[in-house]
Amino acid sequence: MGVKGKTAWTKKEALLCIPERNTGSEEIFKDNGDLVLSFPVVYKPFFMRLWRIVGATPRETFNRKIQLDRLGADVWSLIDGKRDVKTIIKSFASLHGLDNREAEISVTLFLRSLGEKGLISINDP
């Protein structure tokens, strides 16, 4: 998650990072408690060239959707651009009656997944 050319964060530094939502994401709440997130994704250069080859006008982005279950929606609701990862973990653990270690593993893996999809950015501590 660190910046290219920098050394990786320590665990302590990583827990102090502040996740921030992609401002282009949209939320759709389902009756069953699930949450659908729609967010813009930039086409890879290969697809841009392919569009041009076939004579189509290339679009730069498309919307992608992912559905979060109740647990994912709870983590998403805790991401406000102010709370650090450590605070999100503690809040999630408290909400679901988990010990901090269980919550830490689940939440950090989930945040990594959201980051890889472009739904959040992680700001340095």
Protein backbone atom coordinates (compact mmCIF):
# COMPACT_ATOMS: atom_id res chain seq x y z
CA MET A 1 0.00 0.00 0.00
CA GLY A 2 2.98 2.28 0.29
CA VAL A 3 4.07 4.75 -2.35
CA LYS A 4 6.40 3.46 -5.08
CA GLY A 5 10.00 3.84 -4.03
CA LYS A 6 9.16 4.03 -0.33
CA THR A 7 9.62 1.24 2.14
CA ALA A 8 6.51 -0.64 3.24
CA TRP A 9 4.61 0.66 6.22
CA THR A 10 5.04 -0.98 9.57
CA LYS A 11 1.93 -2.53 11.12
CA LYS A 12 1.67 0.43 13.49
CA GLU A 13 1.86 2.92 10.60
CA ALA A 14 -0.67 0.94 8.54
CA LEU A 15 -3.18 0.97 11.41
CA LEU A 16 -2.85 4.76 11.61
CA CYS A 17 -3.69 5.25 7.90
CA ILE A 18 -7.01 6.84 7.06
CA PRO A 19 -9.12 5.22 4.33
CA GLU A 20 -11.19 7.55 2.19
CA ARG A 21 -14.06 6.64 -0.14
CA ASN A 22 -13.87 7.16 -3.90
CA THR A 23 -16.03 10.27 -4.35
CA GLY A 24 -17.44 8.84 -7.59
CA SER A 25 -18.99 5.84 -5.84
CA GLU A 26 -22.75 5.57 -5.46
CA GLU A 27 -24.62 3.51 -2.86
CA ILE A 28 -27.77 1.47 -3.44
CA PHE A 29 -29.23 -0.15 -0.31
CA LYS A 30 -31.10 -3.45 -0.70
CA ASP A 31 -34.02 -4.60 1.48
CA ASN A 32 -31.97 -7.53 2.82
CA GLY A 33 -29.30 -5.21 4.28
CA ASP A 34 -26.84 -5.67 1.42
CA LEU A 35 -25.28 -2.64 -0.21
CA VAL A 36 -24.46 -2.27 -3.91
CA LEU A 37 -21.65 0.11 -4.76
CA SER A 38 -21.41 1.53 -8.26
CA PHE A 39 -18.15 3.23 -9.16
CA PRO A 40 -16.31 4.51 -12.24
CA VAL A 41 -13.38 2.48 -13.54
CA VAL A 42 -10.90 3.71 -16.14
CA TYR A 43 -10.41 1.45 -19.16
CA LYS A 44 -6.94 -0.02 -19.51
CA PRO A 45 -4.88 1.36 -22.45
CA PHE A 46 -5.21 -1.96 -24.33
CA PHE A 47 -9.01 -1.61 -24.48
CA MET A 48 -8.74 2.04 -25.52
CA ARG A 49 -6.55 1.00 -28.47
CA LEU A 50 -8.95 -1.85 -29.30
CA TRP A 51 -11.89 0.58 -29.44
CA ARG A 52 -9.95 2.79 -31.85
CA ILE A 53 -8.96 -0.18 -34.06
CA VAL A 54 -12.60 -1.21 -34.52
CA GLY A 55 -13.54 2.38 -35.30
CA ALA A 56 -15.58 3.02 -32.18
CA THR A 57 -15.36 6.16 -30.13
CA PRO A 58 -13.52 5.13 -26.98
CA ARG A 59 -15.05 5.83 -23.62
CA GLU A 60 -12.55 6.52 -20.88
CA THR A 61 -14.53 4.97 -18.03
CA PHE A 62 -17.30 2.52 -17.29
CA ASN A 63 -19.32 1.84 -14.14
CA ARG A 64 -18.66 -1.30 -12.18
CA LYS A 65 -20.87 -2.64 -9.39
CA ILE A 66 -20.11 -4.81 -6.40
CA GLN A 67 -22.50 -6.04 -3.75
CA LEU A 68 -21.47 -5.96 -0.10
CA ASP A 69 -23.11 -8.14 2.53
CA ARG A 70 -24.11 -6.76 5.92
CA LEU A 71 -20.55 -7.03 7.31
CA GLY A 72 -19.05 -5.28 4.30
CA ALA A 73 -21.71 -2.58 4.48
CA ASP A 74 -20.84 -2.05 8.15
CA VAL A 75 -17.16 -1.52 7.34
CA TRP A 76 -18.11 0.77 4.45
CA SER A 77 -20.23 2.88 6.80
CA LEU A 78 -17.22 3.33 9.11
CA ILE A 79 -15.06 4.76 6.30
CA ASP A 80 -15.54 8.51 6.59
CA GLY A 81 -12.12 9.95 5.75
CA LYS A 82 -11.54 10.78 9.42
CA ARG A 83 -11.26 7.43 11.20
CA ASP A 84 -7.98 5.56 10.99
CA VAL A 85 -7.85 1.82 10.31
CA LYS A 86 -7.30 1.03 13.99
CA THR A 87 -10.48 2.90 14.98
CA ILE A 88 -12.48 1.19 12.22
CA ILE A 89 -11.28 -2.21 13.47
CA LYS A 90 -12.23 -1.43 17.08
CA SER A 91 -15.68 -0.16 16.04
CA PHE A 92 -16.29 -3.21 13.83
CA ALA A 93 -15.20 -5.57 16.62
CA SER A 94 -17.56 -3.87 19.04
CA LEU A 95 -20.48 -3.97 16.57
CA HIS A 96 -20.11 -7.70 15.96
CA GLY A 97 -18.81 -9.00 19.27
CA LEU A 98 -15.42 -10.00 17.86
CA ASP A 99 -12.04 -9.81 19.50
CA ASN A 100 -9.71 -7.20 18.02
CA ARG A 101 -7.45 -9.76 16.30
CA GLU A 102 -10.37 -11.37 14.40
CA ALA A 103 -11.69 -7.96 13.41
CA GLU A 104 -8.21 -6.78 12.38
CA ILE A 105 -7.73 -9.66 9.95
CA SER A 106 -11.20 -9.32 8.41
CA VAL A 107 -11.22 -5.53 8.15
CA THR A 108 -7.68 -5.17 6.77
CA LEU A 109 -8.28 -7.80 4.08
CA PHE A 110 -11.56 -6.12 3.16
CA LEU A 111 -9.94 -2.66 3.01
CA ARG A 112 -7.17 -4.07 0.79
CA SER A 113 -9.83 -5.48 -1.54
CA LEU A 114 -11.68 -2.15 -1.68
CA GLY A 115 -8.39 -0.40 -2.41
CA GLU A 116 -7.51 -2.80 -5.24
CA LYS A 117 -10.91 -2.15 -6.83
CA GLY A 118 -10.43 1.62 -6.58
CA LEU A 119 -13.27 2.16 -4.11
CA ILE A 120 -11.04 3.68 -1.45
CA SER A 121 -7.69 5.36 -1.19
CA ILE A 122 -5.47 5.02 1.84
CA ASN A 123 -3.87 8.21 3.15
CA ASP A 124 -0.49 8.05 4.85
CA PRO A 125 -0.45 8.27 8.63
